[in-house]
Structure formats: structure tokens, C-alpha cells
Amino acid sequence: MKVSNVFTFVASAAVIALGATACGSAAASGPSTANPQTASILMNYFAQAEQGGYWDAMENQTGKDAGLTLQVQQGGPGIQTIPQVAAGKADFGIANADEVMVARKNGLPIVAVAGAYDTNLFCMMSHKEQGITEFSQLNGHQVSRRPAPYFDFLKSHFQLDGIEEINFTGSLADFKRNTNLIQQCFVTSDVFKASREGVDINVLSVAKDGGYNPYGLLLFTTDKVVKEKPELVKSVVAASITGWKNFLADPAAAKTAVLAANKDTDPAIFDASAKTIKDGNYLGSSIGTMTDERWSTLRDQLASIGQLPADFDPKTAYTNAFLPK
């Protein structure tokens, strides 16, 4: 996911541009074209296929029948969606479920309002010659990762006390040079790039092989927006879910929006990522829906590594109330 320095400026400009927050009243009768509303969604990284449903929603303006204009803003490596949304710099953002729950525990008034990825895209790749087929075999290796709850859980659950942790840079060149290196990746773009460059790899899914599966790239907002503009939340949730369904049926509109927002996008990587998302059923069969069981399991896993109290109520971190009936 390495990008040119010019996009650091673009991402910064995107945040500055987020001064346009949701407007219009949330009347009991709901928004209409006579009472238009605008909402912004801040992405967690530069525009890419993995965010495709949100970009489709903007490109097709799937909320227009409800009087909604959707503005999707790309992020970048220096932009964190949760503090930006909590501070009112954007109306909505995307994040993983574990990030939302930990932020909620830390006092940030955010709440997830719709799921996206039912199976999280995070994985770890290794050189095939190392013969790594399970997480316990990471011991004795150098591991490139971003500090994140998923990796703390893997370390604890698989007793990874014999690894050398280094910061993840996103550089495939480093991985290619060092056959002892295990590298964090997305099962979509990063796996495709490795294959395209002729690197034989084994891939371990954090969700499927590690048993740690927070909802990925879910949609969240603040308590304030939920309370004061429930009809806006409902419209944005509906538009986003429609966008994801459109993306699965035909990713062309999302591709157009992503290429426009991120000039550094490789169309071949977009196409391969979109195909993996669809073929692997990573979005699941009921896009948007979140279950008590999944959130409770995640709470217990985070509690086991000391990132949440065991009695934390996961229902404070999410709601299904705004999903289409």
C-alpha cells in the first residue's frame, strides 16, 4: 500500500476539507429532496478497492432518493478516523470493531452503526520456503506489523514470545529481500502484489487461522449525531449498504471514484482486490448486520489481553437500530 509523497498532501487537504459536516434537520418524517442533507465519511487510508462500497455510494449517490448527498474522503497514514470523527471533523468514519470498542472504553463517544466486512481482511504472509502454516510457527522470525489489538491477541494466544517485532512499512521490497520476515498484509491487494512479482508465499488469515475476527471497515459515527440526526444516520447506513451490494455486483463505479480520488491507484490491483472480496465472500451474506455474539466474543478476547475490562458492555459500542428493515 505504498503511495507517493504527493498523496500525503492530498490526504491532509481532505481533512481540511472536512469542515462540511451534516446539515439539515432530522424531522420525524425523515429527509427529503426538499430538505437535503450532506454527510461526510472519512476513510481509514488512501482510496482503494477494500473501501469499495463507500466509494460506490458516493459515485452513484445511492442516498439521493432520501435527499442525501454523500461525500467520501480518503485518509492516509497520518490520519486516524476515530479521533477525527469524535472531534466533529467528519460525520462518519470507518474502522475495525476492536478499535471502536477500545475507543469507547477510553471515553470517546463513538458508536458503530453498520458492519462491512464479516471476515476481516488482515493476514500475515511468509516466504513459502519457511514452511509456515500456523501462527505458532512465527516464533524465531522477524515480524513486520503495525501496533494493533489483533497482533497483541495473536502474541498472547499463540505464545509468540520468540519473535522480533519491527514496524510495518508496507514495503514489499523489504519482504522480498528478507526471507525470514513475516509481514502484515491484506489478503486482497498485498497478496496479489506478491504474486505478481513472483514471490511464493504462504498466507495466514487472522480471522480464519487466528480465530480473531473483528468486523472490518465498519461504519461509525458519534453519539451526538445518533441522537440529534437519526434520520441522517439511517440514510447514510442505507446508502452504504446499497453501495456494498452494488460493488459486489459490479465494482466499476467504485473503481471510477477510487481512481479519481487516488491517482496512484493501480487498476490491476483494484480489479484483483475486488475479485478476492467477492469470491471469498468477505462481506458475508447480510451486509451491515452485527451480532451480539460476535461483539461479546471480541470483548472477551480484548479482555484477555488487558485492553478491555471483563465486564465491559459491548452493546455500548454498536447498534443495529439504523439498518434497513
Protein backbone atom coordinates (compact mmCIF):
# COMPACT_ATOMS: atom_id res chain seq x y z
CA MET A 1 0.00 0.00 0.00
CA LYS A 2 2.97 2.28 -0.56
CA VAL A 3 2.00 5.58 -2.08
CA SER A 4 3.84 8.61 -3.33
CA ASN A 5 4.53 11.57 -1.09
CA VAL A 6 2.18 13.77 -3.06
CA PHE A 7 -0.75 11.91 -1.56
CA THR A 8 0.28 12.92 1.93
CA PHE A 9 -0.65 16.41 0.84
CA VAL A 10 -3.90 15.17 -0.71
CA ALA A 11 -4.86 13.37 2.49
CA SER A 12 -4.10 16.45 4.57
CA ALA A 13 -6.18 18.56 2.26
CA ALA A 14 -9.01 16.06 2.61
CA VAL A 15 -9.08 16.55 6.35
CA ILE A 16 -9.08 20.31 5.98
CA ALA A 17 -11.96 19.95 3.55
CA LEU A 18 -14.00 18.08 6.12
CA GLY A 19 -15.38 21.28 7.52
CA ALA A 20 -18.63 20.47 5.74
CA THR A 21 -20.47 18.37 8.31
CA ALA A 22 -24.02 17.06 8.24
CA CYS A 23 -26.62 19.75 7.81
CA GLY A 24 -30.37 19.91 7.77
CA SER A 25 -32.83 18.82 10.40
CA ALA A 26 -33.78 15.25 11.31
CA ALA A 27 -37.53 15.72 11.17
CA ALA A 28 -39.79 12.87 12.21
CA SER A 29 -40.90 12.44 8.61
CA GLY A 30 -37.26 11.92 7.54
CA PRO A 31 -35.12 13.78 5.00
CA SER A 32 -36.46 14.56 1.56
CA THR A 33 -35.21 16.18 -1.59
CA ALA A 34 -36.91 19.35 -0.33
CA ASN A 35 -34.80 19.15 2.83
CA PRO A 36 -31.41 17.98 1.53
CA GLN A 37 -28.70 16.73 3.85
CA THR A 38 -24.97 16.21 3.36
CA ALA A 39 -22.82 13.71 5.21
CA SER A 40 -19.10 13.01 5.07
CA ILE A 41 -17.42 9.63 5.58
CA LEU A 42 -13.69 9.59 6.33
CA MET A 43 -11.78 6.57 5.04
CA ASN A 44 -9.03 4.88 7.03
CA TYR A 45 -6.45 5.07 4.23
CA PHE A 46 -5.95 6.28 0.68
CA ALA A 47 -8.79 5.34 -1.65
CA GLN A 48 -8.65 1.66 -2.59
CA ALA A 49 -10.83 -1.29 -3.55
CA GLU A 50 -11.14 -2.50 0.03
CA GLN A 51 -13.31 0.57 0.74
CA GLY A 52 -15.29 -0.01 -2.45
CA GLY A 53 -18.87 0.07 -1.15
CA TYR A 54 -18.45 3.52 0.33
CA TRP A 55 -16.96 4.90 -2.87
CA ASP A 56 -19.77 3.35 -4.89
CA ALA A 57 -22.29 5.02 -2.58
CA MET A 58 -20.73 8.40 -3.34
CA GLU A 59 -20.26 7.80 -7.07
CA ASN A 60 -23.83 6.59 -7.53
CA GLN A 61 -25.21 8.87 -4.78
CA THR A 62 -27.29 5.94 -3.54
CA GLY A 63 -28.88 8.14 -0.86
CA LYS A 64 -30.24 10.74 -3.29
CA ASP A 65 -33.80 9.43 -3.03
CA ALA A 66 -33.68 10.21 0.68
CA GLY A 67 -32.35 13.71 0.00
CA LEU A 68 -28.79 12.71 0.96
CA THR A 69 -25.57 13.89 -0.66
CA LEU A 70 -22.69 11.66 0.40
CA GLN A 71 -19.11 12.91 0.49
CA VAL A 72 -16.42 10.25 0.89
CA GLN A 73 -12.95 11.49 1.86
CA GLN A 74 -9.79 9.44 1.53
CA GLY A 75 -7.48 9.20 4.51
CA GLY A 76 -3.79 8.45 4.76
CA PRO A 77 -1.10 7.06 7.05
CA GLY A 78 -1.20 10.10 9.35
CA ILE A 79 -5.00 10.24 9.66
CA GLN A 80 -6.91 8.36 12.35
CA THR A 81 -10.63 8.19 11.70
CA ILE A 82 -11.82 7.74 15.29
CA PRO A 83 -10.39 10.96 16.78
CA GLN A 84 -11.34 12.90 13.65
CA VAL A 85 -14.98 11.81 13.83
CA ALA A 86 -15.11 12.18 17.62
CA ALA A 87 -13.90 15.77 17.18
CA GLY A 88 -16.57 16.52 14.58
CA LYS A 89 -14.16 16.80 11.65
CA ALA A 90 -16.23 14.22 9.75
CA ASP A 91 -19.74 12.91 10.32
CA PHE A 92 -18.87 9.24 9.87
CA GLY A 93 -15.74 7.14 9.64
CA ILE A 94 -14.65 3.58 9.11
CA ALA A 95 -12.66 1.40 11.49
CA ASN A 96 -12.36 -2.15 12.76
CA ALA A 97 -14.69 -3.26 15.55
CA ASP A 98 -11.87 -3.72 18.08
CA GLU A 99 -10.71 -0.14 17.51
CA VAL A 100 -14.24 1.15 18.09
CA MET A 101 -14.69 -0.83 21.30
CA VAL A 102 -11.34 0.19 22.79
CA ALA A 103 -12.02 3.82 21.88
CA ARG A 104 -15.42 3.59 23.55
CA LYS A 105 -13.81 2.21 26.70
CA ASN A 106 -11.38 5.14 26.62
CA GLY A 107 -14.27 7.60 26.70
CA LEU A 108 -14.65 8.56 23.05
CA PRO A 109 -18.38 8.92 22.25
CA ILE A 110 -18.46 6.85 19.07
CA VAL A 111 -20.76 4.02 18.04
CA ALA A 112 -20.74 1.55 15.14
CA VAL A 113 -23.93 1.76 13.06
CA ALA A 114 -23.30 -0.79 10.27
CA GLY A 115 -20.89 -3.62 9.61
CA ALA A 116 -18.99 -4.10 6.37
CA TYR A 117 -16.51 -6.98 6.31
CA ASP A 118 -17.90 -10.04 8.05
CA THR A 119 -14.47 -11.67 7.70
CA ASN A 120 -11.58 -9.37 8.47
CA LEU A 121 -9.02 -8.90 5.68
CA PHE A 122 -5.92 -8.88 7.90
CA CYS A 123 -3.42 -11.66 7.31
CA MET A 124 0.28 -12.41 7.66
CA MET A 125 2.41 -13.57 4.74
CA SER A 126 5.64 -15.52 4.82
CA HIS A 127 8.02 -16.92 2.24
CA LYS A 128 6.83 -20.37 1.23
CA GLU A 129 10.30 -21.82 1.77
CA GLN A 130 9.89 -21.14 5.51
CA GLY A 131 7.07 -23.70 5.66
CA ILE A 132 4.88 -21.61 8.00
CA THR A 133 1.33 -22.96 8.07
CA GLU A 134 0.16 -21.88 11.55
CA PHE A 135 0.69 -18.87 13.78
CA SER A 136 2.70 -20.73 16.42
CA GLN A 137 5.46 -21.13 13.81
CA LEU A 138 6.11 -17.37 13.77
CA ASN A 139 8.49 -17.85 16.70
CA GLY A 140 12.08 -17.43 15.59
CA HIS A 141 11.17 -14.95 12.89
CA GLN A 142 11.15 -11.21 12.37
CA VAL A 143 7.59 -9.88 12.13
CA SER A 144 6.62 -6.60 10.48
CA ARG A 145 3.34 -5.29 11.92
CA ARG A 146 1.50 -2.19 12.99
CA PRO A 147 0.77 -1.99 16.73
CA ALA A 148 -2.84 -3.15 16.91
CA PRO A 149 -5.11 -5.27 19.11
CA TYR A 150 -5.14 -8.15 16.61
CA PHE A 151 -1.40 -8.67 16.96
CA ASP A 152 -1.46 -8.44 20.76
CA PHE A 153 -4.09 -11.19 20.72
CA LEU A 154 -2.04 -13.38 18.38
CA LYS A 155 1.04 -12.96 20.56
CA SER A 156 -0.84 -13.97 23.68
CA HIS A 157 -2.98 -16.75 22.19
CA PHE A 158 -0.15 -18.45 20.27
CA GLN A 159 2.58 -17.66 22.83
CA LEU A 160 4.69 -15.73 20.35
CA ASP A 161 7.49 -14.88 22.76
CA GLY A 162 10.29 -15.69 20.33
CA ILE A 163 9.67 -13.14 17.60
CA GLU A 164 11.44 -9.90 16.72
CA GLU A 165 8.82 -7.22 16.12
CA ILE A 166 9.55 -4.38 13.70
CA ASN A 167 7.33 -1.56 12.45
CA PHE A 168 5.31 -2.26 9.34
CA THR A 169 6.31 0.00 6.43
CA GLY A 170 4.19 -1.57 3.69
CA SER A 171 7.31 -2.22 1.64
CA LEU A 172 7.20 -5.38 -0.42
CA ALA A 173 10.86 -4.75 -1.28
CA ASP A 174 11.87 -5.35 2.35
CA PHE A 175 9.87 -8.56 2.39
CA LYS A 176 11.43 -9.78 -0.85
CA ARG A 177 14.96 -9.15 0.44
CA ASN A 178 14.47 -10.84 3.81
CA THR A 179 13.17 -14.41 3.57
CA ASN A 180 13.00 -14.61 7.39
CA LEU A 181 10.49 -11.76 7.52
CA ILE A 182 6.79 -12.30 8.24
CA GLN A 183 4.74 -9.32 7.07
CA GLN A 184 1.28 -8.00 7.90
CA CYS A 185 -0.89 -7.72 4.83
CA PHE A 186 -4.36 -7.55 3.35
CA VAL A 187 -5.48 -10.80 1.74
CA THR A 188 -6.54 -8.67 -1.21
CA SER A 189 -4.03 -6.16 -2.61
CA ASP A 190 -0.86 -7.29 -0.84
CA VAL A 191 -1.24 -10.96 -1.71
CA PHE A 192 -1.88 -10.03 -5.34
CA LYS A 193 1.19 -7.77 -5.47
CA ALA A 194 3.42 -10.53 -4.07
CA SER A 195 2.09 -12.99 -6.64
CA ARG A 196 2.53 -10.50 -9.48
CA GLU A 197 6.16 -10.00 -8.51
CA GLY A 198 6.82 -13.71 -8.43
CA VAL A 199 7.16 -14.13 -4.66
CA ASP A 200 5.95 -17.53 -3.47
CA ILE A 201 4.15 -17.05 -0.18
CA ASN A 202 2.06 -18.74 2.46
CA VAL A 203 -0.77 -16.72 3.93
CA LEU A 204 -2.31 -16.98 7.39
CA SER A 205 -5.69 -15.30 7.90
CA VAL A 206 -6.01 -13.55 11.25
CA ALA A 207 -9.74 -14.35 11.20
CA LYS A 208 -9.76 -17.89 9.80
CA ASP A 209 -6.45 -19.22 11.13
CA GLY A 210 -6.02 -16.98 14.18
CA GLY A 211 -9.60 -17.00 15.44
CA TYR A 212 -9.64 -13.21 15.83
CA ASN A 213 -12.30 -11.67 13.62
CA PRO A 214 -13.48 -8.12 14.36
CA TYR A 215 -15.88 -6.64 11.84
CA GLY A 216 -13.71 -4.81 9.33
CA LEU A 217 -14.09 -1.28 7.97
CA LEU A 218 -17.45 -0.85 9.67
CA LEU A 219 -19.30 2.46 9.63
CA PHE A 220 -19.34 4.52 12.82
CA THR A 221 -20.42 7.95 14.00
CA THR A 222 -20.84 9.81 17.29
CA ASP A 223 -23.47 9.64 20.00
CA LYS A 224 -24.30 13.25 19.16
CA VAL A 225 -25.10 12.50 15.52
CA VAL A 226 -27.13 9.42 16.50
CA LYS A 227 -29.15 11.44 19.00
CA GLU A 228 -29.63 14.63 17.00
CA LYS A 229 -29.84 13.31 13.43
CA PRO A 230 -31.21 9.76 13.49
CA GLU A 231 -32.75 10.07 10.03
CA LEU A 232 -29.40 11.14 8.62
CA VAL A 233 -27.77 8.08 10.18
CA LYS A 234 -30.47 5.86 8.73
CA SER A 235 -29.95 7.34 5.26
CA VAL A 236 -26.16 7.01 5.37
CA VAL A 237 -26.38 3.41 6.59
CA ALA A 238 -28.84 2.51 3.82
CA ALA A 239 -26.72 4.25 1.17
CA SER A 240 -23.57 2.47 2.34
CA ILE A 241 -25.18 -0.97 2.33
CA THR A 242 -26.55 -0.35 -1.17
CA GLY A 243 -23.08 0.76 -2.20
CA TRP A 244 -21.56 -2.50 -0.99
CA LYS A 245 -24.19 -4.54 -2.82
CA ASN A 246 -23.51 -2.55 -5.98
CA PHE A 247 -19.78 -3.11 -5.52
CA LEU A 248 -20.25 -6.88 -5.37
CA ALA A 249 -22.48 -6.85 -8.43
CA ASP A 250 -20.22 -4.56 -10.46
CA PRO A 251 -17.25 -2.64 -9.00
CA ALA A 252 -16.95 -0.28 -11.98
CA ALA A 253 -18.49 2.77 -10.29
CA ALA A 254 -16.35 2.31 -7.19
CA LYS A 255 -13.29 1.94 -9.39
CA THR A 256 -14.08 5.23 -11.13
CA ALA A 257 -14.38 7.02 -7.78
CA VAL A 258 -11.22 5.44 -6.35
CA LEU A 259 -9.13 6.25 -9.41
CA ALA A 260 -10.36 9.84 -9.27
CA ALA A 261 -9.56 10.23 -5.58
CA ASN A 262 -6.22 8.40 -5.60
CA LYS A 263 -4.25 8.92 -8.80
CA ASP A 264 -1.66 6.44 -7.55
CA THR A 265 -4.13 3.55 -7.73
CA ASP A 266 -3.07 0.59 -9.87
CA PRO A 267 -6.19 -0.52 -11.77
CA ALA A 268 -4.96 -4.13 -11.86
CA ILE A 269 -4.64 -4.19 -8.07
CA PHE A 270 -8.13 -2.74 -7.74
CA ASP A 271 -9.57 -5.41 -10.02
CA ALA A 272 -7.79 -8.26 -8.23
CA SER A 273 -8.83 -6.98 -4.81
CA ALA A 274 -12.47 -6.60 -5.83
CA LYS A 275 -12.47 -10.15 -7.20
CA THR A 276 -10.95 -11.56 -3.99
CA ILE A 277 -13.54 -9.74 -1.85
CA LYS A 278 -16.39 -11.16 -3.90
CA ASP A 279 -15.05 -14.67 -4.49
CA GLY A 280 -14.03 -15.08 -0.85
CA ASN A 281 -17.40 -13.82 0.45
CA TYR A 282 -15.57 -11.49 2.82
CA LEU A 283 -18.61 -9.23 3.17
CA GLY A 284 -20.85 -12.10 4.25
CA SER A 285 -24.47 -12.78 3.38
CA SER A 286 -26.09 -9.97 5.38
CA ILE A 287 -24.11 -6.78 4.83
CA GLY A 288 -24.44 -4.28 7.66
CA THR A 289 -25.80 -6.63 10.32
CA MET A 290 -23.77 -7.12 13.52
CA THR A 291 -24.48 -9.76 16.17
CA ASP A 292 -24.32 -9.67 19.95
CA GLU A 293 -22.35 -12.93 19.90
CA ARG A 294 -19.59 -11.54 17.69
CA TRP A 295 -19.21 -8.38 19.74
CA SER A 296 -19.22 -10.32 23.02
CA THR A 297 -16.57 -12.73 21.73
CA LEU A 298 -14.43 -9.77 20.67
CA ARG A 299 -14.91 -8.18 24.11
CA ASP A 300 -13.70 -11.38 25.78
CA GLN A 301 -10.66 -11.57 23.50
CA LEU A 302 -9.73 -7.96 24.19
CA ALA A 303 -10.26 -8.50 27.92
CA SER A 304 -7.88 -11.49 27.77
CA ILE A 305 -5.06 -9.17 26.67
CA GLY A 306 -5.92 -6.38 29.09
CA GLN A 307 -7.38 -3.94 26.59
CA LEU A 308 -10.93 -4.04 27.98
CA PRO A 309 -12.40 -4.81 31.40
CA ALA A 310 -14.12 -8.19 31.50
CA ASP A 311 -17.44 -6.55 32.37
CA PHE A 312 -17.38 -4.01 29.52
CA ASP A 313 -20.77 -3.87 27.84
CA PRO A 314 -20.18 -4.31 24.08
CA LYS A 315 -23.69 -3.03 23.34
CA THR A 316 -22.47 0.47 24.14
CA ALA A 317 -20.18 0.29 21.10
CA TYR A 318 -22.66 -0.61 18.36
CA THR A 319 -26.29 -0.57 17.27
CA ASN A 320 -28.34 -2.28 14.56
CA ALA A 321 -31.17 0.23 15.03
CA PHE A 322 -30.47 2.06 11.76
CA LEU A 323 -30.27 -0.92 9.42
CA PRO A 324 -32.87 -1.08 6.65
CA LYS A 325 -35.94 -3.05 7.70
